[in-house]
Amino acid sequence: MAKTELTTKGHFGSKKLINVKWIGGKLASKLNNDSSLHDLLSSQPIIDATIFVDPLNDVIRIYGSWKNKNFIITKDLFRIYDAIASHIKSI
């Protein structure tokens, strides 16, 4: 298991992401050491930077909060999920 822990500044609509840290063991440590992943996450809106990695039976889920019902994913968000999956495969 791993999840992002966000440091923010401001309130409501003016809330800005200051720092992203992963918590949750060996995987979180590996994700925290990936500077390109950190840079990608830091440039995302808060809702997209909130990511969870959970084991589920014999698979691992990588998910976040969806902004709308159309399940639109940006290229950067896909790159983030792909980087996380690469780290999972390497463990």
Protein backbone atom coordinates (compact mmCIF):
# COMPACT_ATOMS: atom_id res chain seq x y z
CA MET A 1 0.00 0.00 0.00
CA ALA A 2 1.06 3.54 -0.71
CA LYS A 3 -0.65 6.88 -0.98
CA THR A 4 0.26 10.48 -1.57
CA GLU A 5 0.43 12.91 1.31
CA LEU A 6 -0.04 16.43 0.02
CA THR A 7 1.17 19.69 1.51
CA THR A 8 -1.01 22.58 0.36
CA LYS A 9 -1.26 26.32 0.83
CA GLY A 10 -4.36 28.48 0.67
CA HIS A 11 -8.07 27.77 0.91
CA PHE A 12 -10.84 26.58 -1.40
CA GLY A 13 -10.34 27.76 -5.01
CA SER A 14 -6.94 29.32 -4.30
CA LYS A 15 -5.52 26.15 -2.72
CA LYS A 16 -2.16 25.27 -4.25
CA LEU A 17 -0.04 22.13 -4.05
CA ILE A 18 3.31 22.79 -2.33
CA ASN A 19 4.79 19.31 -1.89
CA VAL A 20 3.96 15.66 -2.57
CA LYS A 21 5.23 12.81 -0.40
CA TRP A 22 4.43 9.10 -0.60
CA ILE A 23 3.69 7.16 2.58
CA GLY A 24 3.41 3.39 2.94
CA GLY A 25 6.53 1.23 3.09
CA LYS A 26 8.97 -0.03 0.48
CA LEU A 27 6.95 1.13 -2.54
CA ALA A 28 6.49 4.61 -1.05
CA SER A 29 10.23 4.87 -0.48
CA LYS A 30 10.90 3.96 -4.11
CA LEU A 31 8.28 6.46 -5.35
CA ASN A 32 9.71 9.24 -3.14
CA ASN A 33 13.14 8.71 -4.75
CA ASP A 34 11.80 9.25 -8.29
CA SER A 35 12.39 12.95 -8.96
CA SER A 36 10.67 12.96 -12.38
CA LEU A 37 7.53 11.42 -10.82
CA HIS A 38 7.67 14.05 -8.06
CA ASP A 39 7.92 16.85 -10.63
CA LEU A 40 4.97 15.47 -12.61
CA LEU A 41 2.85 15.10 -9.47
CA SER A 42 3.75 18.58 -8.21
CA SER A 43 2.43 20.15 -11.40
CA GLN A 44 -0.99 18.47 -11.10
CA PRO A 45 -4.16 19.84 -9.54
CA ILE A 46 -4.73 18.63 -5.97
CA ILE A 47 -7.48 16.21 -6.98
CA ASP A 48 -5.20 14.53 -9.56
CA ALA A 49 -2.22 14.39 -7.17
CA THR A 50 -4.25 12.38 -4.66
CA ILE A 51 -3.30 8.83 -5.61
CA PHE A 52 -3.71 5.48 -3.84
CA VAL A 53 -1.96 2.16 -4.56
CA ASP A 54 -3.73 -0.82 -2.96
CA PRO A 55 -3.35 -4.58 -3.27
CA LEU A 56 -6.61 -6.30 -4.18
CA ASN A 57 -6.49 -10.10 -4.17
CA ASP A 58 -3.80 -10.92 -6.74
CA VAL A 59 -3.69 -7.50 -8.48
CA ILE A 60 -2.69 -3.99 -7.49
CA ARG A 61 -4.99 -0.98 -8.00
CA ILE A 62 -3.63 2.47 -8.79
CA TYR A 63 -6.37 5.06 -8.52
CA GLY A 64 -7.26 8.61 -7.59
CA SER A 65 -10.29 10.84 -7.46
CA TRP A 66 -12.06 11.47 -10.74
CA LYS A 67 -12.98 15.07 -11.54
CA ASN A 68 -15.93 14.24 -13.75
CA LYS A 69 -18.13 11.40 -14.90
CA ASN A 70 -16.42 11.11 -18.31
CA PHE A 71 -13.31 9.52 -16.75
CA ILE A 72 -10.98 11.74 -18.75
CA ILE A 73 -7.30 11.15 -18.10
CA THR A 74 -4.61 13.58 -19.25
CA LYS A 75 -1.31 12.55 -20.82
CA ASP A 76 0.55 13.66 -17.69
CA LEU A 77 -1.74 11.66 -15.43
CA PHE A 78 -1.24 8.60 -17.63
CA ARG A 79 2.54 9.10 -17.38
CA ILE A 80 2.23 9.28 -13.58
CA TYR A 81 0.23 6.04 -13.38
CA ASP A 82 2.63 4.37 -15.81
CA ALA A 83 5.65 5.40 -13.70
CA ILE A 84 3.97 4.02 -10.56
CA ALA A 85 3.22 0.74 -12.35
CA SER A 86 6.87 0.49 -13.47
CA HIS A 87 8.02 0.86 -9.87
CA ILE A 88 5.56 -1.81 -8.74
CA LYS A 89 6.87 -4.21 -11.40
CA SER A 90 10.45 -3.63 -10.28
CA ILE A 91 9.74 -4.67 -6.68
